[in-house]
Amino acid sequence: MPLVRIDALRADSDRLAALGRAVHDALIETIGIPPDDHFQILVSHDGTNSTLHYGGYFGIDRDDDIVYVAITLRSGRTPAQKQALYRRIADLAHAYAGTAPRNVFVTLTENASIDWSLGNGEAQYATSTPAADGTPSPAAGTTAGA
């Protein structure tokens, strides 16, 4: 159950949609989220009333095509899965939206099952029966998510 927020500078609706698709496809491919587990906030900043700041930290030469991707998800991914996710997001953002990989800045924030309410004022993951591997699964009538 990832929640994704993508912020881009002066991005039109087509570019935002392409970036959203890139992140969603990468999440499906690298960490196995279900295709219908699709919760995103896509924001374009006009550069005047709202903007994004960036620097050359770690020697990466970013520019106005910067894209910030913030993903909140339940904990449990390995370092290798996270690295594969970062790489795939950068690759697909380039393929789908023309964004240079150097301009794709990704953060992951992990939390616990109790930290999610998927609607109806319920904590679906917290009130469900764990799967055989011990990972929480949603209550009856919902689909398992990452």
C-alpha atoms as a PDB file:
ATOM      1  CA  MET A   1       0.000   0.000   0.000  1.00  0.00           C
ATOM      2  CA  PRO A   2       2.358   2.733  -1.059  1.00  0.00           C
ATOM      3  CA  LEU A   3       1.248   6.343  -1.115  1.00  0.00           C
ATOM      4  CA  VAL A   4       3.233   8.249  -3.727  1.00  0.00           C
ATOM      5  CA  ARG A   5       3.700  12.002  -4.034  1.00  0.00           C
ATOM      6  CA  ILE A   6       5.447  13.351  -7.119  1.00  0.00           C
ATOM      7  CA  ASP A   7       6.449  17.018  -7.332  1.00  0.00           C
ATOM      8  CA  ALA A   8       7.800  18.439 -10.588  1.00  0.00           C
ATOM      9  CA  LEU A   9       8.627  21.915 -11.814  1.00  0.00           C
ATOM     10  CA  ARG A  10       6.440  23.284 -14.633  1.00  0.00           C
ATOM     11  CA  ALA A  11       5.082  19.844 -15.568  1.00  0.00           C
ATOM     12  CA  ASP A  12       1.969  19.620 -17.713  1.00  0.00           C
ATOM     13  CA  SER A  13      -0.663  16.945 -17.114  1.00  0.00           C
ATOM     14  CA  ASP A  14       0.896  14.569 -19.653  1.00  0.00           C
ATOM     15  CA  ARG A  15       4.303  14.728 -17.981  1.00  0.00           C
ATOM     16  CA  LEU A  16       2.784  14.261 -14.524  1.00  0.00           C
ATOM     17  CA  ALA A  17       0.817  11.244 -15.772  1.00  0.00           C
ATOM     18  CA  ALA A  18       3.965   9.759 -17.355  1.00  0.00           C
ATOM     19  CA  LEU A  19       5.927  10.228 -14.130  1.00  0.00           C
ATOM     20  CA  GLY A  20       3.107   8.655 -12.130  1.00  0.00           C
ATOM     21  CA  ARG A  21       3.016   5.696 -14.507  1.00  0.00           C
ATOM     22  CA  ALA A  22       6.813   5.317 -14.254  1.00  0.00           C
ATOM     23  CA  VAL A  23       6.723   5.144 -10.460  1.00  0.00           C
ATOM     24  CA  HIS A  24       3.715   2.822 -10.394  1.00  0.00           C
ATOM     25  CA  ASP A  25       5.229   0.434 -12.942  1.00  0.00           C
ATOM     26  CA  ALA A  26       8.518   0.410 -11.002  1.00  0.00           C
ATOM     27  CA  LEU A  27       6.688  -0.417  -7.762  1.00  0.00           C
ATOM     28  CA  ILE A  28       4.895  -3.316  -9.459  1.00  0.00           C
ATOM     29  CA  GLU A  29       8.078  -4.649 -11.066  1.00  0.00           C
ATOM     30  CA  THR A  30      10.501  -4.331  -8.160  1.00  0.00           C
ATOM     31  CA  ILE A  31       8.519  -4.837  -4.968  1.00  0.00           C
ATOM     32  CA  GLY A  32       5.440  -6.602  -6.270  1.00  0.00           C
ATOM     33  CA  ILE A  33       2.601  -4.252  -5.410  1.00  0.00           C
ATOM     34  CA  PRO A  34      -0.725  -5.202  -7.006  1.00  0.00           C
ATOM     35  CA  PRO A  35      -1.582  -3.199 -10.147  1.00  0.00           C
ATOM     36  CA  ASP A  36      -4.729  -1.742  -8.540  1.00  0.00           C
ATOM     37  CA  ASP A  37      -2.765  -0.488  -5.498  1.00  0.00           C
ATOM     38  CA  HIS A  38      -2.501   2.936  -7.108  1.00  0.00           C
ATOM     39  CA  PHE A  39      -2.552   5.952  -4.775  1.00  0.00           C
ATOM     40  CA  GLN A  40      -0.691   9.016  -6.026  1.00  0.00           C
ATOM     41  CA  ILE A  41      -0.568  12.762  -5.483  1.00  0.00           C
ATOM     42  CA  LEU A  42       0.836  14.493  -8.569  1.00  0.00           C
ATOM     43  CA  VAL A  43       1.825  18.158  -8.213  1.00  0.00           C
ATOM     44  CA  SER A  44       3.283  20.634 -10.683  1.00  0.00           C
ATOM     45  CA  HIS A  45       4.960  23.766  -9.350  1.00  0.00           C
ATOM     46  CA  ASP A  46       4.892  26.856 -11.572  1.00  0.00           C
ATOM     47  CA  GLY A  47       8.295  28.142 -10.466  1.00  0.00           C
ATOM     48  CA  THR A  48       6.856  31.458  -9.262  1.00  0.00           C
ATOM     49  CA  ASN A  49       4.095  30.939  -6.705  1.00  0.00           C
ATOM     50  CA  SER A  50       5.420  27.511  -5.801  1.00  0.00           C
ATOM     51  CA  THR A  51       8.752  26.062  -6.707  1.00  0.00           C
ATOM     52  CA  LEU A  52      11.286  23.346  -5.979  1.00  0.00           C
ATOM     53  CA  HIS A  53      14.814  23.893  -4.738  1.00  0.00           C
ATOM     54  CA  TYR A  54      17.714  21.594  -5.505  1.00  0.00           C
ATOM     55  CA  GLY A  55      21.459  21.592  -5.351  1.00  0.00           C
ATOM     56  CA  GLY A  56      24.409  19.669  -6.670  1.00  0.00           C
ATOM     57  CA  TYR A  57      24.684  17.507  -3.568  1.00  0.00           C
ATOM     58  CA  PHE A  58      26.808  14.362  -4.060  1.00  0.00           C
ATOM     59  CA  GLY A  59      28.134  15.884  -7.288  1.00  0.00           C
ATOM     60  CA  ILE A  60      24.871  15.328  -9.170  1.00  0.00           C
ATOM     61  CA  ASP A  61      24.203  18.161 -11.623  1.00  0.00           C
ATOM     62  CA  ARG A  62      20.428  18.647 -11.278  1.00  0.00           C
ATOM     63  CA  ASP A  63      18.422  21.246 -13.195  1.00  0.00           C
ATOM     64  CA  ASP A  64      14.849  22.556 -13.554  1.00  0.00           C
ATOM     65  CA  ASP A  65      13.634  19.128 -14.686  1.00  0.00           C
ATOM     66  CA  ILE A  66      14.008  17.971 -11.073  1.00  0.00           C
ATOM     67  CA  VAL A  67      11.360  15.508  -9.884  1.00  0.00           C
ATOM     68  CA  TYR A  68      10.868  14.651  -6.237  1.00  0.00           C
ATOM     69  CA  VAL A  69       9.259  11.271  -5.563  1.00  0.00           C
ATOM     70  CA  ALA A  70       8.184  10.587  -1.972  1.00  0.00           C
ATOM     71  CA  ILE A  71       6.902   7.087  -1.281  1.00  0.00           C
ATOM     72  CA  THR A  72       5.342   6.035   2.006  1.00  0.00           C
ATOM     73  CA  LEU A  73       4.916   2.288   2.442  1.00  0.00           C
ATOM     74  CA  ARG A  74       4.824  -0.441   5.021  1.00  0.00           C
ATOM     75  CA  SER A  75       8.260  -1.589   6.177  1.00  0.00           C
ATOM     76  CA  GLY A  76       9.879  -4.838   5.131  1.00  0.00           C
ATOM     77  CA  ARG A  77      11.790  -4.275   1.885  1.00  0.00           C
ATOM     78  CA  THR A  78      15.412  -5.343   1.598  1.00  0.00           C
ATOM     79  CA  PRO A  79      18.162  -2.912   0.643  1.00  0.00           C
ATOM     80  CA  ALA A  80      18.446  -4.716  -2.714  1.00  0.00           C
ATOM     81  CA  GLN A  81      14.731  -4.227  -3.410  1.00  0.00           C
ATOM     82  CA  LYS A  82      14.996  -0.531  -2.557  1.00  0.00           C
ATOM     83  CA  GLN A  83      18.020  -0.066  -4.808  1.00  0.00           C
ATOM     84  CA  ALA A  84      16.227  -1.865  -7.650  1.00  0.00           C
ATOM     85  CA  LEU A  85      13.206   0.403  -7.108  1.00  0.00           C
ATOM     86  CA  TYR A  86      15.300   3.588  -7.284  1.00  0.00           C
ATOM     87  CA  ARG A  87      17.028   2.428 -10.468  1.00  0.00           C
ATOM     88  CA  ARG A  88      13.773   1.377 -12.133  1.00  0.00           C
ATOM     89  CA  ILE A  89      12.005   4.640 -11.261  1.00  0.00           C
ATOM     90  CA  ALA A  90      14.894   6.616 -12.787  1.00  0.00           C
ATOM     91  CA  ASP A  91      14.948   4.421 -15.908  1.00  0.00           C
ATOM     92  CA  LEU A  92      11.188   4.598 -16.458  1.00  0.00           C
ATOM     93  CA  ALA A  93      10.982   8.336 -15.707  1.00  0.00           C
ATOM     94  CA  HIS A  94      13.516   8.790 -18.487  1.00  0.00           C
ATOM     95  CA  ALA A  95      11.699   6.423 -20.869  1.00  0.00           C
ATOM     96  CA  TYR A  96       8.159   7.689 -20.182  1.00  0.00           C
ATOM     97  CA  ALA A  97       8.662  11.383 -19.385  1.00  0.00           C
ATOM     98  CA  GLY A  98      12.106  12.260 -20.761  1.00  0.00           C
ATOM     99  CA  THR A  99      13.400  13.082 -17.279  1.00  0.00           C
ATOM    100  CA  ALA A 100      17.136  12.559 -16.954  1.00  0.00           C
ATOM    101  CA  PRO A 101      17.926  10.013 -14.215  1.00  0.00           C
ATOM    102  CA  ARG A 102      20.119  12.626 -12.489  1.00  0.00           C
ATOM    103  CA  ASN A 103      16.941  14.668 -11.886  1.00  0.00           C
ATOM    104  CA  VAL A 104      14.986  11.895 -10.154  1.00  0.00           C
ATOM    105  CA  PHE A 105      15.187  12.297  -6.376  1.00  0.00           C
ATOM    106  CA  VAL A 106      13.446   9.488  -4.447  1.00  0.00           C
ATOM    107  CA  THR A 107      12.731   9.049  -0.753  1.00  0.00           C
ATOM    108  CA  LEU A 108      11.101   6.112   0.999  1.00  0.00           C
ATOM    109  CA  THR A 109       9.364   6.443   4.340  1.00  0.00           C
ATOM    110  CA  GLU A 110       8.417   3.181   6.003  1.00  0.00           C
ATOM    111  CA  ASN A 111       5.811   2.665   8.656  1.00  0.00           C
ATOM    112  CA  ALA A 112       3.761  -0.075  10.341  1.00  0.00           C
ATOM    113  CA  SER A 113       0.434  -1.629   9.407  1.00  0.00           C
ATOM    114  CA  ILE A 114      -1.422   0.315  12.103  1.00  0.00           C
ATOM    115  CA  ASP A 115      -0.396   3.550  10.370  1.00  0.00           C
ATOM    116  CA  TRP A 116      -2.849   3.021   7.484  1.00  0.00           C
ATOM    117  CA  SER A 117      -6.563   3.587   7.080  1.00  0.00           C
ATOM    118  CA  LEU A 118      -7.674   2.733   3.559  1.00  0.00           C
ATOM    119  CA  GLY A 119     -11.133   4.179   4.079  1.00  0.00           C
ATOM    120  CA  ASN A 120     -14.252   3.873   6.216  1.00  0.00           C
ATOM    121  CA  GLY A 121     -12.311   5.024   9.291  1.00  0.00           C
ATOM    122  CA  GLU A 122     -10.803   1.551   9.741  1.00  0.00           C
ATOM    123  CA  ALA A 123      -7.236   0.290  10.149  1.00  0.00           C
ATOM    124  CA  GLN A 124      -7.653  -2.545   7.648  1.00  0.00           C
ATOM    125  CA  TYR A 125      -4.116  -3.923   7.915  1.00  0.00           C
ATOM    126  CA  ALA A 126      -4.156  -3.853  11.720  1.00  0.00           C
ATOM    127  CA  THR A 127      -7.413  -5.798  11.997  1.00  0.00           C
ATOM    128  CA  SER A 128      -6.552  -8.478   9.483  1.00  0.00           C
ATOM    129  CA  THR A 129      -5.111 -11.953   9.747  1.00  0.00           C
ATOM    130  CA  PRO A 130      -1.377 -12.197   8.957  1.00  0.00           C
ATOM    131  CA  ALA A 131      -0.321 -14.161   5.892  1.00  0.00           C
ATOM    132  CA  ALA A 132       1.636 -17.413   6.257  1.00  0.00           C
ATOM    133  CA  ASP A 133       4.923 -15.478   6.012  1.00  0.00           C
ATOM    134  CA  GLY A 134       3.860 -13.187   8.872  1.00  0.00           C
ATOM    135  CA  THR A 135       3.164 -10.106   6.773  1.00  0.00           C
ATOM    136  CA  PRO A 136      -0.147  -8.422   7.434  1.00  0.00           C
ATOM    137  CA  SER A 137      -2.859  -8.926   4.872  1.00  0.00           C
ATOM    138  CA  PRO A 138      -5.935  -6.743   4.585  1.00  0.00           C
ATOM    139  CA  ALA A 139      -9.268  -7.617   6.118  1.00  0.00           C
ATOM    140  CA  ALA A 140     -11.891  -9.462   4.125  1.00  0.00           C
ATOM    141  CA  GLY A 141     -13.100  -7.672   1.040  1.00  0.00           C
ATOM    142  CA  THR A 142      -9.875  -5.810   0.301  1.00  0.00           C
ATOM    143  CA  THR A 143      -6.833  -6.598  -1.779  1.00  0.00           C
ATOM    144  CA  ALA A 144      -3.370  -7.159  -0.344  1.00  0.00           C
ATOM    145  CA  GLY A 145      -1.035  -4.242  -0.926  1.00  0.00           C
ATOM    146  CA  ALA A 146       2.546  -3.343  -0.423  1.00  0.00           C
END
